[in-house]
C-alpha cells in the first residue's frame, strides 16, 4: 500500500510540475495576445489555453500517467472535458474581466488553478484511469 501511495504522490507532483510549465505557456501566450492585440478577453484566453492543453496532454500522457492508451481516444476524452470547461471559464472570465473590470491576469490565474485541479482528477480517473503505467517507460521501470 505504501508503494501505491508513493507512486500516486509522485504522479501528483509530476502533474503539478508539467501543469506549471503549461501554465507558463498559457500566461505567456495570453500576455502577448492581451498586450499586442485589441481583442476582448475570450479569444486570447482560448488560444492560450489550447496551446497549454496540447503541451500538458503530451507530457502527462507520456511521463505522469505513463499511458499506452489510444492517443485519439484519449484526446477525444480530453476534448470533451474542454468542451465544458472552456466555454464556462471563457464566459465567466469574460464577464469578470470585461463587465466587472477584474484584472485579466487575476481572472486567468483563477481559471488556471481551477483547470489544474479538475483536469488532474478527470485525467487520473477517466482519461487514463485504466491505462496508467502501461507504456514502455512504465514497463521498463517496473520493479518486480
N, C-alpha and C. Protein backbone atom coordinates (compact mmCIF):
# COMPACT_ATOMS: atom_id res chain seq x y z
N UNK A 1 0.82 -1.20 0.00
CA UNK A 1 0.00 0.00 0.00
C UNK A 1 0.86 1.26 0.00
N UNK A 2 1.98 1.23 0.74
CA UNK A 2 2.86 2.40 0.79
C UNK A 2 3.46 2.70 -0.59
N UNK A 3 3.74 1.64 -1.35
CA UNK A 3 4.30 1.84 -2.69
C UNK A 3 3.29 2.55 -3.58
N UNK A 4 2.04 2.13 -3.51
CA UNK A 4 1.00 2.77 -4.32
C UNK A 4 0.80 4.23 -3.93
N UNK A 5 0.83 4.49 -2.63
CA UNK A 5 0.68 5.87 -2.16
C UNK A 5 1.85 6.73 -2.64
N UNK A 6 3.04 6.18 -2.59
CA UNK A 6 4.23 6.90 -3.07
C UNK A 6 4.13 7.17 -4.57
N UNK A 7 3.70 6.16 -5.33
CA UNK A 7 3.54 6.32 -6.77
C UNK A 7 2.52 7.41 -7.08
N UNK A 8 1.43 7.44 -6.32
CA UNK A 8 0.39 8.45 -6.57
C UNK A 8 0.89 9.84 -6.20
N UNK A 9 1.65 9.94 -5.13
CA UNK A 9 2.23 11.23 -4.74
C UNK A 9 3.18 11.74 -5.83
N UNK A 10 4.01 10.85 -6.33
CA UNK A 10 4.93 11.23 -7.42
C UNK A 10 4.13 11.64 -8.65
N UNK A 11 3.05 10.93 -8.93
CA UNK A 11 2.20 11.25 -10.08
C UNK A 11 1.62 12.67 -9.93
N UNK A 12 1.16 12.99 -8.73
CA UNK A 12 0.59 14.33 -8.47
C UNK A 12 1.65 15.40 -8.64
N UNK A 13 2.85 15.15 -8.13
CA UNK A 13 3.95 16.13 -8.26
C UNK A 13 4.31 16.33 -9.73
N UNK A 14 4.42 15.25 -10.48
CA UNK A 14 4.72 15.36 -11.92
C UNK A 14 3.63 16.16 -12.63
N UNK A 15 2.37 15.82 -12.34
CA UNK A 15 1.28 16.53 -12.97
C UNK A 15 1.36 18.02 -12.65
N UNK A 16 1.61 18.34 -11.41
CA UNK A 16 1.72 19.73 -10.99
C UNK A 16 2.85 20.43 -11.75
N UNK A 17 4.02 19.82 -11.81
CA UNK A 17 5.17 20.46 -12.48
C UNK A 17 4.93 20.62 -13.98
N UNK A 18 4.37 19.60 -14.63
CA UNK A 18 4.06 19.75 -16.05
C UNK A 18 2.98 20.81 -16.26
N UNK A 19 2.04 20.87 -15.34
CA UNK A 19 0.99 21.88 -15.43
C UNK A 19 1.55 23.28 -15.23
N UNK A 20 2.55 23.41 -14.38
CA UNK A 20 3.21 24.71 -14.22
C UNK A 20 3.86 25.12 -15.54
N UNK A 21 4.52 24.17 -16.21
CA UNK A 21 5.13 24.50 -17.50
C UNK A 21 4.06 24.88 -18.52
N UNK A 22 2.94 24.18 -18.50
CA UNK A 22 1.82 24.53 -19.38
C UNK A 22 1.25 25.89 -19.00
N UNK A 23 1.21 26.17 -17.70
CA UNK A 23 0.74 27.46 -17.23
C UNK A 23 1.63 28.60 -17.70
N UNK A 24 2.92 28.36 -17.74
CA UNK A 24 3.85 29.37 -18.25
C UNK A 24 3.57 29.65 -19.72
N UNK A 25 3.33 28.59 -20.47
CA UNK A 25 2.96 28.76 -21.88
C UNK A 25 1.65 29.54 -21.98
N UNK A 26 0.66 29.13 -21.18
CA UNK A 26 -0.64 29.78 -21.25
C UNK A 26 -0.55 31.27 -20.90
N UNK A 27 0.09 31.60 -19.81
CA UNK A 27 0.12 33.00 -19.39
C UNK A 27 0.99 33.83 -20.34
N UNK A 28 2.04 33.22 -20.89
CA UNK A 28 2.90 33.95 -21.84
C UNK A 28 2.14 34.27 -23.13
N UNK A 29 1.46 33.27 -23.67
CA UNK A 29 0.68 33.50 -24.89
C UNK A 29 -0.45 34.47 -24.61
N UNK A 30 -1.13 34.28 -23.47
CA UNK A 30 -2.21 35.20 -23.11
C UNK A 30 -1.68 36.63 -23.00
N UNK A 31 -0.55 36.81 -22.34
CA UNK A 31 0.01 38.16 -22.16
C UNK A 31 0.37 38.79 -23.51
N UNK A 32 0.99 38.01 -24.38
CA UNK A 32 1.33 38.53 -25.71
C UNK A 32 0.07 38.97 -26.46
N UNK A 33 -0.92 38.12 -26.47
CA UNK A 33 -2.15 38.47 -27.19
C UNK A 33 -2.90 39.61 -26.51
N UNK A 34 -2.92 39.60 -25.20
CA UNK A 34 -3.63 40.64 -24.45
C UNK A 34 -2.98 42.01 -24.64
N UNK A 35 -1.66 42.02 -24.69
CA UNK A 35 -0.94 43.30 -24.79
C UNK A 35 -0.77 43.77 -26.24
N UNK A 36 -0.71 42.85 -27.19
CA UNK A 36 -0.40 43.22 -28.57
C UNK A 36 -1.62 43.30 -29.49
N UNK A 37 -2.77 42.87 -29.00
CA UNK A 37 -3.99 42.96 -29.82
C UNK A 37 -5.03 43.77 -29.06
N UNK A 38 -6.08 44.07 -29.75
CA UNK A 38 -7.20 44.78 -29.11
C UNK A 38 -8.37 43.83 -28.88
N UNK A 39 -8.07 42.54 -28.83
CA UNK A 39 -9.11 41.54 -28.65
C UNK A 39 -9.70 41.63 -27.24
N UNK A 40 -10.93 41.16 -27.12
CA UNK A 40 -11.52 41.03 -25.79
C UNK A 40 -10.86 39.83 -25.10
N UNK A 41 -11.26 39.58 -23.89
CA UNK A 41 -10.62 38.54 -23.07
C UNK A 41 -10.66 37.16 -23.72
N UNK A 42 -11.84 36.73 -24.18
CA UNK A 42 -12.01 35.33 -24.52
C UNK A 42 -11.16 34.80 -25.67
N UNK A 43 -10.92 35.51 -26.78
CA UNK A 43 -10.08 34.90 -27.84
C UNK A 43 -8.64 34.68 -27.37
N UNK A 44 -8.11 35.63 -26.63
CA UNK A 44 -6.74 35.46 -26.11
C UNK A 44 -6.68 34.27 -25.16
N UNK A 45 -7.68 34.15 -24.30
CA UNK A 45 -7.74 33.06 -23.34
C UNK A 45 -7.84 31.71 -24.04
N UNK A 46 -8.70 31.60 -25.03
CA UNK A 46 -8.92 30.30 -25.70
C UNK A 46 -7.67 29.86 -26.47
N UNK A 47 -7.02 30.76 -27.16
CA UNK A 47 -5.80 30.41 -27.90
C UNK A 47 -4.71 29.96 -26.91
N UNK A 48 -4.52 30.72 -25.85
CA UNK A 48 -3.51 30.38 -24.85
C UNK A 48 -3.83 29.05 -24.18
N UNK A 49 -5.08 28.84 -23.84
CA UNK A 49 -5.50 27.59 -23.20
C UNK A 49 -5.27 26.40 -24.12
N UNK A 50 -5.61 26.53 -25.38
CA UNK A 50 -5.45 25.43 -26.34
C UNK A 50 -3.99 25.00 -26.45
N UNK A 51 -3.10 25.97 -26.56
CA UNK A 51 -1.68 25.63 -26.66
C UNK A 51 -1.17 24.95 -25.39
N UNK A 52 -1.62 25.44 -24.25
CA UNK A 52 -1.17 24.82 -22.99
C UNK A 52 -1.74 23.41 -22.82
N UNK A 53 -2.96 23.19 -23.27
CA UNK A 53 -3.58 21.86 -23.16
C UNK A 53 -2.83 20.85 -24.01
N UNK A 54 -2.47 21.21 -25.21
CA UNK A 54 -1.72 20.30 -26.08
C UNK A 54 -0.39 19.92 -25.45
N UNK A 55 0.32 20.90 -24.93
CA UNK A 55 1.59 20.67 -24.23
C UNK A 55 1.38 19.74 -23.03
N UNK A 56 0.42 20.09 -22.19
CA UNK A 56 0.18 19.36 -20.95
C UNK A 56 -0.27 17.92 -21.23
N UNK A 57 -1.15 17.74 -22.19
CA UNK A 57 -1.62 16.40 -22.55
C UNK A 57 -0.46 15.51 -22.96
N UNK A 58 0.39 16.03 -23.84
CA UNK A 58 1.51 15.25 -24.36
C UNK A 58 2.45 14.80 -23.24
N UNK A 59 2.85 15.74 -22.39
CA UNK A 59 3.79 15.40 -21.32
C UNK A 59 3.16 14.49 -20.27
N UNK A 60 1.94 14.80 -19.86
CA UNK A 60 1.33 14.00 -18.81
C UNK A 60 0.97 12.60 -19.27
N UNK A 61 0.56 12.45 -20.51
CA UNK A 61 0.27 11.11 -21.03
C UNK A 61 1.53 10.25 -20.98
N UNK A 62 2.63 10.81 -21.43
CA UNK A 62 3.87 10.03 -21.54
C UNK A 62 4.57 9.82 -20.19
N UNK A 63 4.67 10.87 -19.38
CA UNK A 63 5.50 10.80 -18.18
C UNK A 63 4.74 10.66 -16.87
N UNK A 64 3.61 11.32 -16.72
CA UNK A 64 2.88 11.28 -15.45
C UNK A 64 2.03 10.03 -15.35
N UNK A 65 1.18 9.81 -16.33
CA UNK A 65 0.29 8.66 -16.29
C UNK A 65 0.89 7.45 -17.00
N UNK A 66 1.95 7.66 -17.77
CA UNK A 66 2.66 6.61 -18.49
C UNK A 66 1.68 5.66 -19.17
N UNK A 67 0.82 6.26 -19.96
CA UNK A 67 -0.27 5.52 -20.56
C UNK A 67 0.02 5.12 -22.00
N UNK A 68 -0.32 3.89 -22.32
CA UNK A 68 -0.22 3.40 -23.69
C UNK A 68 -1.59 3.44 -24.36
N UNK A 69 -2.48 4.23 -23.81
CA UNK A 69 -3.83 4.30 -24.36
C UNK A 69 -3.81 4.85 -25.78
N UNK A 70 -4.87 4.56 -26.49
CA UNK A 70 -5.05 5.06 -27.84
C UNK A 70 -5.08 6.59 -27.79
N UNK A 71 -4.13 7.24 -28.45
CA UNK A 71 -4.00 8.70 -28.38
C UNK A 71 -5.25 9.42 -28.87
N UNK A 72 -5.80 9.06 -30.03
CA UNK A 72 -7.02 9.77 -30.46
C UNK A 72 -8.18 9.63 -29.47
N UNK A 73 -8.34 8.45 -28.89
CA UNK A 73 -9.42 8.25 -27.91
C UNK A 73 -9.17 9.11 -26.67
N UNK A 74 -7.93 9.10 -26.18
CA UNK A 74 -7.59 9.92 -25.02
C UNK A 74 -7.79 11.40 -25.32
N UNK A 75 -7.42 11.83 -26.53
CA UNK A 75 -7.60 13.24 -26.90
C UNK A 75 -9.08 13.60 -27.00
N UNK A 76 -9.89 12.69 -27.48
CA UNK A 76 -11.33 12.95 -27.54
C UNK A 76 -11.88 13.12 -26.13
N UNK A 77 -11.43 12.27 -25.21
CA UNK A 77 -11.88 12.39 -23.81
C UNK A 77 -11.47 13.75 -23.23
N UNK A 78 -10.25 14.17 -23.53
CA UNK A 78 -9.79 15.48 -23.05
C UNK A 78 -10.60 16.59 -23.73
N UNK A 79 -10.88 16.42 -25.02
CA UNK A 79 -11.68 17.42 -25.73
C UNK A 79 -13.07 17.56 -25.11
N UNK A 80 -13.64 16.45 -24.67
CA UNK A 80 -14.96 16.51 -24.01
C UNK A 80 -14.87 17.37 -22.74
N UNK A 81 -13.81 17.17 -21.97
CA UNK A 81 -13.61 17.98 -20.77
C UNK A 81 -13.58 19.46 -21.15
N UNK A 82 -12.81 19.77 -22.18
CA UNK A 82 -12.64 21.17 -22.57
C UNK A 82 -13.85 21.75 -23.30
N UNK A 83 -14.71 20.89 -23.84
CA UNK A 83 -15.97 21.38 -24.42
C UNK A 83 -16.87 21.97 -23.33
N UNK A 84 -16.69 21.50 -22.11
CA UNK A 84 -17.44 22.04 -20.98
C UNK A 84 -16.64 23.13 -20.27
N UNK A 85 -15.38 22.83 -19.97
CA UNK A 85 -14.55 23.76 -19.20
C UNK A 85 -14.31 25.08 -19.93
N UNK A 86 -13.96 25.01 -21.21
CA UNK A 86 -13.57 26.22 -21.94
C UNK A 86 -14.70 27.24 -22.07
N UNK A 87 -15.88 26.86 -22.56
CA UNK A 87 -16.92 27.89 -22.66
C UNK A 87 -17.33 28.45 -21.29
N UNK A 88 -17.35 27.56 -20.30
CA UNK A 88 -17.73 28.02 -18.96
C UNK A 88 -16.74 29.05 -18.43
N UNK A 89 -15.45 28.72 -18.49
CA UNK A 89 -14.45 29.64 -17.97
C UNK A 89 -14.25 30.86 -18.88
N UNK A 90 -14.44 30.67 -20.18
CA UNK A 90 -14.31 31.82 -21.08
C UNK A 90 -15.43 32.83 -20.84
N UNK A 91 -16.65 32.33 -20.69
CA UNK A 91 -17.77 33.25 -20.43
C UNK A 91 -17.65 33.91 -19.06
N UNK A 92 -17.33 33.09 -18.05
CA UNK A 92 -17.16 33.65 -16.72
C UNK A 92 -15.98 34.62 -16.69
N UNK A 93 -14.88 34.22 -17.31
CA UNK A 93 -13.70 35.09 -17.36
C UNK A 93 -13.98 36.38 -18.10
N UNK A 94 -14.69 36.29 -19.21
CA UNK A 94 -15.04 37.49 -19.96
C UNK A 94 -15.94 38.41 -19.13
N UNK A 95 -16.88 37.83 -18.41
CA UNK A 95 -17.77 38.62 -17.55
C UNK A 95 -16.96 39.32 -16.45
N UNK A 96 -16.07 38.57 -15.80
CA UNK A 96 -15.27 39.15 -14.73
C UNK A 96 -14.32 40.24 -15.25
N UNK A 97 -13.68 39.97 -16.39
CA UNK A 97 -12.69 40.92 -16.91
C UNK A 97 -13.33 42.11 -17.63
N UNK A 98 -14.35 41.85 -18.42
CA UNK A 98 -14.93 42.92 -19.23
C UNK A 98 -16.04 43.69 -18.51
N UNK A 99 -16.93 42.98 -17.84
CA UNK A 99 -18.08 43.63 -17.21
C UNK A 99 -17.77 44.13 -15.80
N UNK A 100 -17.13 43.26 -15.00
CA UNK A 100 -16.82 43.65 -13.63
C UNK A 100 -15.46 44.33 -13.50
N UNK A 101 -14.70 44.34 -14.61
CA UNK A 101 -13.40 45.02 -14.69
C UNK A 101 -12.35 44.42 -13.76
N UNK A 102 -12.44 43.11 -13.50
CA UNK A 102 -11.38 42.45 -12.75
C UNK A 102 -10.13 42.43 -13.62
N UNK A 103 -8.99 42.35 -13.01
CA UNK A 103 -7.73 42.26 -13.73
C UNK A 103 -7.70 40.96 -14.55
N UNK A 104 -7.36 41.09 -15.84
CA UNK A 104 -7.36 39.95 -16.75
C UNK A 104 -6.42 38.84 -16.29
N UNK A 105 -5.30 39.23 -15.70
CA UNK A 105 -4.32 38.24 -15.26
C UNK A 105 -4.81 37.50 -14.01
N UNK A 106 -5.51 38.18 -13.13
CA UNK A 106 -6.10 37.53 -11.97
C UNK A 106 -7.16 36.52 -12.42
N UNK A 107 -7.99 36.92 -13.36
CA UNK A 107 -9.03 36.02 -13.87
C UNK A 107 -8.39 34.79 -14.52
N UNK A 108 -7.35 35.00 -15.30
CA UNK A 108 -6.66 33.88 -15.94
C UNK A 108 -6.02 32.98 -14.90
N UNK A 109 -5.43 33.54 -13.86
CA UNK A 109 -4.83 32.73 -12.79
C UNK A 109 -5.88 31.89 -12.08
N UNK A 110 -7.04 32.47 -11.81
CA UNK A 110 -8.13 31.71 -11.17
C UNK A 110 -8.55 30.54 -12.07
N UNK A 111 -8.69 30.80 -13.37
CA UNK A 111 -9.04 29.74 -14.31
C UNK A 111 -7.97 28.66 -14.36
N UNK A 112 -6.71 29.06 -14.26
CA UNK A 112 -5.62 28.09 -14.31
C UNK A 112 -5.63 27.17 -13.08
N UNK A 113 -5.90 27.71 -11.92
CA UNK A 113 -5.97 26.89 -10.70
C UNK A 113 -7.16 25.94 -10.78
N UNK A 114 -8.28 26.44 -11.25
CA UNK A 114 -9.46 25.59 -11.44
C UNK A 114 -9.17 24.47 -12.44
N UNK A 115 -8.48 24.82 -13.51
CA UNK A 115 -8.12 23.85 -14.53
C UNK A 115 -7.18 22.78 -13.97
N UNK A 116 -6.19 23.19 -13.21
CA UNK A 116 -5.21 22.25 -12.64
C UNK A 116 -5.90 21.18 -11.81
N UNK A 117 -6.77 21.58 -10.93
CA UNK A 117 -7.40 20.61 -10.03
C UNK A 117 -8.41 19.72 -10.74
N UNK A 118 -9.27 20.31 -11.54
CA UNK A 118 -10.30 19.49 -12.20
C UNK A 118 -9.69 18.60 -13.29
N UNK A 119 -8.70 19.09 -13.98
CA UNK A 119 -8.10 18.28 -15.05
C UNK A 119 -7.34 17.08 -14.49
N UNK A 120 -6.65 17.28 -13.36
CA UNK A 120 -5.94 16.13 -12.77
C UNK A 120 -6.94 15.00 -12.46
N UNK A 121 -7.99 15.35 -11.77
CA UNK A 121 -8.98 14.34 -11.39
C UNK A 121 -9.60 13.68 -12.62
N UNK A 122 -9.93 14.46 -13.61
CA UNK A 122 -10.53 13.94 -14.84
C UNK A 122 -9.56 13.01 -15.57
N UNK A 123 -8.31 13.45 -15.72
CA UNK A 123 -7.31 12.61 -16.39
C UNK A 123 -7.01 11.34 -15.60
N UNK A 124 -6.85 11.50 -14.30
CA UNK A 124 -6.47 10.37 -13.45
C UNK A 124 -7.52 9.27 -13.46
N UNK A 125 -8.78 9.66 -13.37
CA UNK A 125 -9.82 8.65 -13.21
C UNK A 125 -10.61 8.32 -14.47
N UNK A 126 -10.63 9.22 -15.45
CA UNK A 126 -11.43 8.96 -16.65
C UNK A 126 -10.57 8.76 -17.90
N UNK A 127 -9.69 9.69 -18.18
CA UNK A 127 -8.92 9.59 -19.43
C UNK A 127 -7.92 8.45 -19.37
N UNK A 128 -7.12 8.39 -18.32
CA UNK A 128 -6.05 7.40 -18.23
C UNK A 128 -6.26 6.35 -17.13
N UNK A 129 -7.35 6.42 -16.41
CA UNK A 129 -7.57 5.58 -15.25
C UNK A 129 -7.24 4.11 -15.41
N UNK A 130 -7.68 3.50 -16.50
CA UNK A 130 -7.47 2.06 -16.69
C UNK A 130 -6.16 1.75 -17.42
N UNK A 131 -5.47 2.79 -17.88
CA UNK A 131 -4.25 2.55 -18.66
C UNK A 131 -3.01 3.16 -18.02
N UNK A 132 -3.10 3.52 -16.75
CA UNK A 132 -1.95 4.09 -16.06
C UNK A 132 -0.83 3.05 -15.97
N UNK A 133 0.39 3.51 -16.21
CA UNK A 133 1.60 2.68 -16.12
C UNK A 133 1.58 1.51 -17.11
N UNK A 134 1.12 1.77 -18.32
CA UNK A 134 1.08 0.71 -19.34
C UNK A 134 2.01 0.98 -20.52
N UNK A 135 2.65 2.15 -20.57
CA UNK A 135 3.52 2.40 -21.72
C UNK A 135 4.89 1.74 -21.52
N UNK A 136 5.74 1.80 -22.53
CA UNK A 136 7.04 1.15 -22.47
C UNK A 136 7.90 1.68 -21.33
N UNK A 137 7.84 2.97 -21.07
CA UNK A 137 8.60 3.59 -19.98
C UNK A 137 8.22 2.97 -18.64
N UNK A 138 6.93 2.81 -18.41
CA UNK A 138 6.46 2.23 -17.15
C UNK A 138 6.89 0.78 -17.03
N UNK A 139 6.82 0.05 -18.12
CA UNK A 139 7.20 -1.36 -18.10
C UNK A 139 8.69 -1.52 -17.82
N UNK A 140 9.52 -0.64 -18.37
CA UNK A 140 10.96 -0.68 -18.10
C UNK A 140 11.29 -0.37 -16.65
N UNK A 141 10.50 0.52 -16.05
CA UNK A 141 10.77 0.96 -14.68
C UNK A 141 10.07 0.11 -13.63
N UNK A 142 9.28 -0.87 -14.05
CA UNK A 142 8.52 -1.69 -13.11
C UNK A 142 9.47 -2.56 -12.30
N UNK A 143 9.30 -2.50 -10.99
CA UNK A 143 10.13 -3.31 -10.09
C UNK A 143 9.31 -4.54 -9.69
N UNK A 144 9.88 -5.70 -9.92
CA UNK A 144 9.18 -6.94 -9.58
C UNK A 144 9.30 -7.24 -8.10
